[in-house]
Amino acid sequence: MILAVDTSIGSTVAVIGADGSVHARLESESPRGHAEVIGDLLARALADARVAPDAITHVAAGMGPGPFTGLRIGIAAARAFAIGRGIPLLPVVSHDAAALTRIEDGGPERFAVVTDARRRENAVSVYEGVGAADVPRRTSGPELLPQAEDLAARFPGAEIVHVGAIDAARVGRIAARRMAAGLEPDVAEPLYLRSPDVVASHSPKRVSA
């Protein structure tokens, strides 16, 4: 079974079977407080699925795009679980999960997934149909664009889909499909929207006597 985690927007956890069946799905839609809820969501998802931790064979992690602080909490939790159990971590582009939701809901052939990147910017990925392993075929992105940008003009023929949540079950489903097809993950590092605002000081710290 696959434990899937994504904190690129809110916080969401799911337990799915290798065939994509959903055994548990939990979420917190708050864009903040990831660290406070992720542990509880993980424990509750396993309880709801009625599986012990040793029944999990893989962990799928949504790699963004997302804000630095929130995104790294989900990835760290996924990695910690995978390392603790000695099982593989399967990284997934979070926008791909949103695209799978759109396709499975009967969306158009060509569309753009748009998530709020704050600071008057959007994170945008464009998709056209499905590719190998029935995974949404991303033709561009993720990339940061100004919210003032006319996306319909920039991506002619693509329906603009604004996404407010990522479904961890779809993160796990994409990981399962890619794994079954023998495909390597197409993302290795977190897709942070931008670097953290806090940086290390380059001047020596004064210490009083």
Protein backbone atom coordinates (compact mmCIF):
# COMPACT_ATOMS: atom_id res chain seq x y z
CA MET A 1 0.00 0.00 0.00
CA ILE A 2 1.05 3.59 -0.61
CA LEU A 3 0.98 6.41 1.91
CA ALA A 4 0.67 9.74 0.05
CA VAL A 5 1.42 13.18 1.52
CA ASP A 6 1.08 16.67 0.05
CA THR A 7 1.44 20.07 1.74
CA SER A 8 1.90 22.27 -1.31
CA ILE A 9 -1.36 24.14 -0.60
CA GLY A 10 -3.18 22.70 2.42
CA SER A 11 -2.19 19.48 4.15
CA THR A 12 -3.53 16.20 2.79
CA VAL A 13 -2.76 12.53 3.44
CA ALA A 14 -4.14 9.39 1.81
CA VAL A 15 -3.62 5.64 1.89
CA ILE A 16 -4.20 3.89 -1.42
CA GLY A 17 -3.76 0.42 -2.83
CA ALA A 18 -1.40 -0.41 -5.67
CA ASP A 19 -4.46 -0.50 -7.94
CA GLY A 20 -5.33 3.10 -7.04
CA SER A 21 -8.17 2.24 -4.66
CA VAL A 22 -8.55 4.78 -1.86
CA HIS A 23 -8.53 3.34 1.66
CA ALA A 24 -8.33 6.65 3.53
CA ARG A 25 -8.16 10.34 2.67
CA LEU A 26 -7.83 13.23 5.12
CA GLU A 27 -7.09 16.92 4.67
CA SER A 28 -6.72 20.27 6.35
CA GLU A 29 -7.50 23.07 3.92
CA SER A 30 -5.74 25.72 5.96
CA PRO A 31 -2.75 27.08 4.02
CA ARG A 32 -0.87 27.39 7.32
CA GLY A 33 -0.22 25.22 10.36
CA HIS A 34 1.16 22.27 8.38
CA ALA A 35 3.51 21.24 11.18
CA GLU A 36 0.66 21.21 13.71
CA VAL A 37 -1.60 18.89 11.69
CA ILE A 38 0.59 16.60 9.59
CA GLY A 39 1.39 14.08 12.34
CA ASP A 40 -2.27 13.75 13.31
CA LEU A 41 -3.33 13.37 9.68
CA LEU A 42 -0.80 10.58 9.16
CA ALA A 43 -1.92 8.69 12.26
CA ARG A 44 -5.62 9.12 11.45
CA ALA A 45 -5.16 8.04 7.82
CA LEU A 46 -3.54 4.78 8.89
CA ALA A 47 -6.27 4.25 11.47
CA ASP A 48 -9.05 5.00 8.98
CA ALA A 49 -7.48 2.62 6.45
CA ARG A 50 -7.15 0.01 9.22
CA VAL A 51 -3.56 -0.73 8.29
CA ALA A 52 -0.43 -0.88 10.42
CA PRO A 53 2.63 1.15 9.41
CA ASP A 54 4.40 -2.03 8.29
CA ALA A 55 1.66 -2.57 5.68
CA ILE A 56 2.88 0.55 3.83
CA THR A 57 5.31 -0.41 1.06
CA HIS A 58 5.90 3.02 -0.54
CA VAL A 59 5.50 6.69 0.35
CA ALA A 60 4.45 9.23 -2.31
CA ALA A 61 5.37 12.86 -1.66
CA GLY A 62 3.95 15.91 -3.42
CA MET A 63 7.00 17.99 -4.35
CA GLY A 64 5.21 21.20 -5.22
CA PRO A 65 5.21 23.84 -6.49
CA GLY A 66 4.52 25.33 -3.10
CA PRO A 67 5.78 27.79 -0.48
CA PHE A 68 9.06 26.85 1.19
CA THR A 69 7.84 26.42 4.77
CA GLY A 70 4.66 24.44 4.13
CA LEU A 71 6.02 22.27 1.34
CA ARG A 72 9.13 21.14 3.19
CA ILE A 73 7.07 19.97 6.18
CA GLY A 74 5.13 17.48 4.08
CA ILE A 75 8.22 16.28 2.26
CA ALA A 76 10.12 15.91 5.55
CA ALA A 77 7.25 13.90 7.05
CA ALA A 78 7.09 11.64 3.99
CA ARG A 79 10.85 11.12 4.00
CA ALA A 80 10.93 10.42 7.73
CA PHE A 81 8.24 7.75 7.39
CA ALA A 82 10.00 6.18 4.39
CA ILE A 83 13.40 6.15 6.11
CA GLY A 84 11.92 4.81 9.33
CA ARG A 85 10.30 1.93 7.49
CA GLY A 86 13.14 1.44 5.02
CA ILE A 87 10.82 1.80 2.01
CA PRO A 88 11.05 3.84 -1.21
CA LEU A 89 9.99 7.48 -1.47
CA LEU A 90 8.17 8.32 -4.72
CA PRO A 91 8.27 12.06 -5.54
CA VAL A 92 5.39 13.50 -7.57
CA VAL A 93 4.80 16.98 -9.04
CA SER A 94 1.77 18.26 -7.12
CA HIS A 95 0.31 19.96 -10.20
CA ASP A 96 0.24 16.53 -11.88
CA ALA A 97 -2.12 15.33 -9.16
CA ALA A 98 -4.39 18.33 -9.75
CA ALA A 99 -4.30 17.56 -13.47
CA LEU A 100 -5.27 13.94 -12.83
CA THR A 101 -8.25 15.14 -10.80
CA ARG A 102 -9.33 17.32 -13.73
CA ILE A 103 -8.93 14.50 -16.26
CA GLU A 104 -10.77 11.96 -14.12
CA ASP A 105 -13.59 14.47 -13.65
CA GLY A 106 -13.98 14.68 -17.44
CA GLY A 107 -12.08 17.88 -18.10
CA PRO A 108 -10.86 19.16 -21.49
CA GLU A 109 -7.93 17.76 -23.46
CA ARG A 110 -5.75 20.86 -22.98
CA PHE A 111 -5.76 22.91 -19.80
CA ALA A 112 -3.58 24.90 -17.43
CA VAL A 113 -3.41 24.17 -13.70
CA VAL A 114 -3.06 27.41 -11.75
CA THR A 115 -2.32 27.70 -8.04
CA ASP A 116 -1.93 30.87 -5.99
CA ALA A 117 1.76 31.54 -5.35
CA ARG A 118 1.04 34.70 -3.33
CA ARG A 119 2.90 37.96 -3.87
CA ARG A 120 0.68 38.59 -6.90
CA GLU A 121 2.01 35.53 -8.70
CA ASN A 122 0.58 32.20 -9.85
CA ALA A 123 2.26 28.84 -10.35
CA VAL A 124 1.18 27.47 -13.73
CA SER A 125 1.55 24.11 -15.51
CA VAL A 126 0.00 23.24 -18.88
CA TYR A 127 -1.28 19.75 -19.75
CA GLU A 128 -2.48 18.04 -22.89
CA GLY A 129 -4.08 14.62 -22.56
CA VAL A 130 -2.28 11.73 -20.92
CA GLY A 131 1.08 10.17 -21.62
CA ALA A 132 2.87 7.06 -20.48
CA ALA A 133 1.19 5.10 -17.68
CA ASP A 134 -1.98 7.19 -18.11
CA VAL A 135 -0.35 10.08 -16.27
CA PRO A 136 -1.28 13.65 -17.31
CA ARG A 137 1.15 14.88 -19.97
CA ARG A 138 2.70 18.14 -18.79
CA THR A 139 3.82 20.25 -21.74
CA SER A 140 5.15 23.22 -19.76
CA GLY A 141 5.76 24.33 -16.20
CA PRO A 142 5.51 24.57 -13.35
CA GLU A 143 6.46 28.22 -13.71
CA LEU A 144 5.79 31.45 -11.83
CA LEU A 145 3.77 34.07 -13.68
CA PRO A 146 2.29 37.41 -12.57
CA GLN A 147 -1.36 37.19 -11.59
CA ALA A 148 -1.98 40.07 -13.96
CA GLU A 149 -0.85 37.88 -16.88
CA ASP A 150 -3.57 37.00 -19.40
CA LEU A 151 -3.23 33.22 -19.23
CA ALA A 152 -5.83 32.60 -21.92
CA ALA A 153 -3.73 34.66 -24.33
CA ARG A 154 -0.46 33.09 -23.20
CA PHE A 155 -1.80 29.53 -23.54
CA PRO A 156 -4.33 29.67 -26.41
CA GLY A 157 -6.76 26.79 -26.53
CA ALA A 158 -6.11 25.79 -22.91
CA GLU A 159 -8.85 25.97 -20.31
CA ILE A 160 -7.59 27.83 -17.24
CA VAL A 161 -8.22 25.75 -14.11
CA HIS A 162 -7.64 27.48 -10.77
CA VAL A 163 -6.90 24.88 -8.10
CA GLY A 164 -7.37 25.48 -4.39
CA ALA A 165 -6.46 22.02 -3.05
CA ILE A 166 -4.37 18.98 -3.96
CA ASP A 167 -5.77 15.48 -3.47
CA ALA A 168 -3.16 13.21 -1.86
CA ALA A 169 -5.00 10.20 -3.24
CA ARG A 170 -4.19 11.44 -6.75
CA VAL A 171 -0.56 11.98 -5.70
CA GLY A 172 -0.47 8.34 -4.66
CA ARG A 173 -2.30 7.20 -7.78
CA ILE A 174 0.23 8.90 -10.07
CA ALA A 175 3.09 7.36 -8.09
CA ALA A 176 1.46 3.92 -8.38
CA ARG A 177 0.95 4.24 -12.14
CA ARG A 178 4.49 5.42 -12.77
CA MET A 179 5.90 2.66 -10.58
CA ALA A 180 3.81 -0.04 -12.31
CA ALA A 181 5.04 1.19 -15.69
CA GLY A 182 8.67 1.17 -14.54
CA LEU A 183 9.00 4.95 -14.96
CA GLU A 184 11.54 6.87 -12.93
CA PRO A 185 10.29 9.93 -10.97
CA ASP A 186 10.44 13.08 -13.12
CA VAL A 187 11.22 15.32 -10.15
CA ALA A 188 14.02 14.91 -7.62
CA GLU A 189 14.06 18.14 -5.62
CA PRO A 190 11.26 20.17 -4.03
CA LEU A 191 9.70 22.74 -6.38
CA TYR A 192 9.79 25.72 -4.04
CA LEU A 193 8.01 28.78 -5.40
CA ARG A 194 10.86 30.94 -4.17
CA SER A 195 13.72 30.85 -1.68
CA PRO A 196 12.91 31.38 2.02
CA ASP A 197 12.80 35.00 3.19
CA VAL A 198 15.07 34.30 6.17
CA VAL A 199 18.76 33.97 5.30
CA ALA A 200 21.82 33.42 7.44
CA SER A 201 23.65 36.52 8.56
CA HIS A 202 27.05 37.06 6.95
CA SER A 203 28.38 39.24 9.79
CA PRO A 204 29.77 37.79 13.04
CA LYS A 205 27.40 37.86 16.00
CA ARG A 206 28.55 40.06 18.87
CA VAL A 207 28.60 38.41 22.26
CA SER A 208 28.53 40.57 25.35
CA ALA A 209 30.66 39.71 28.39
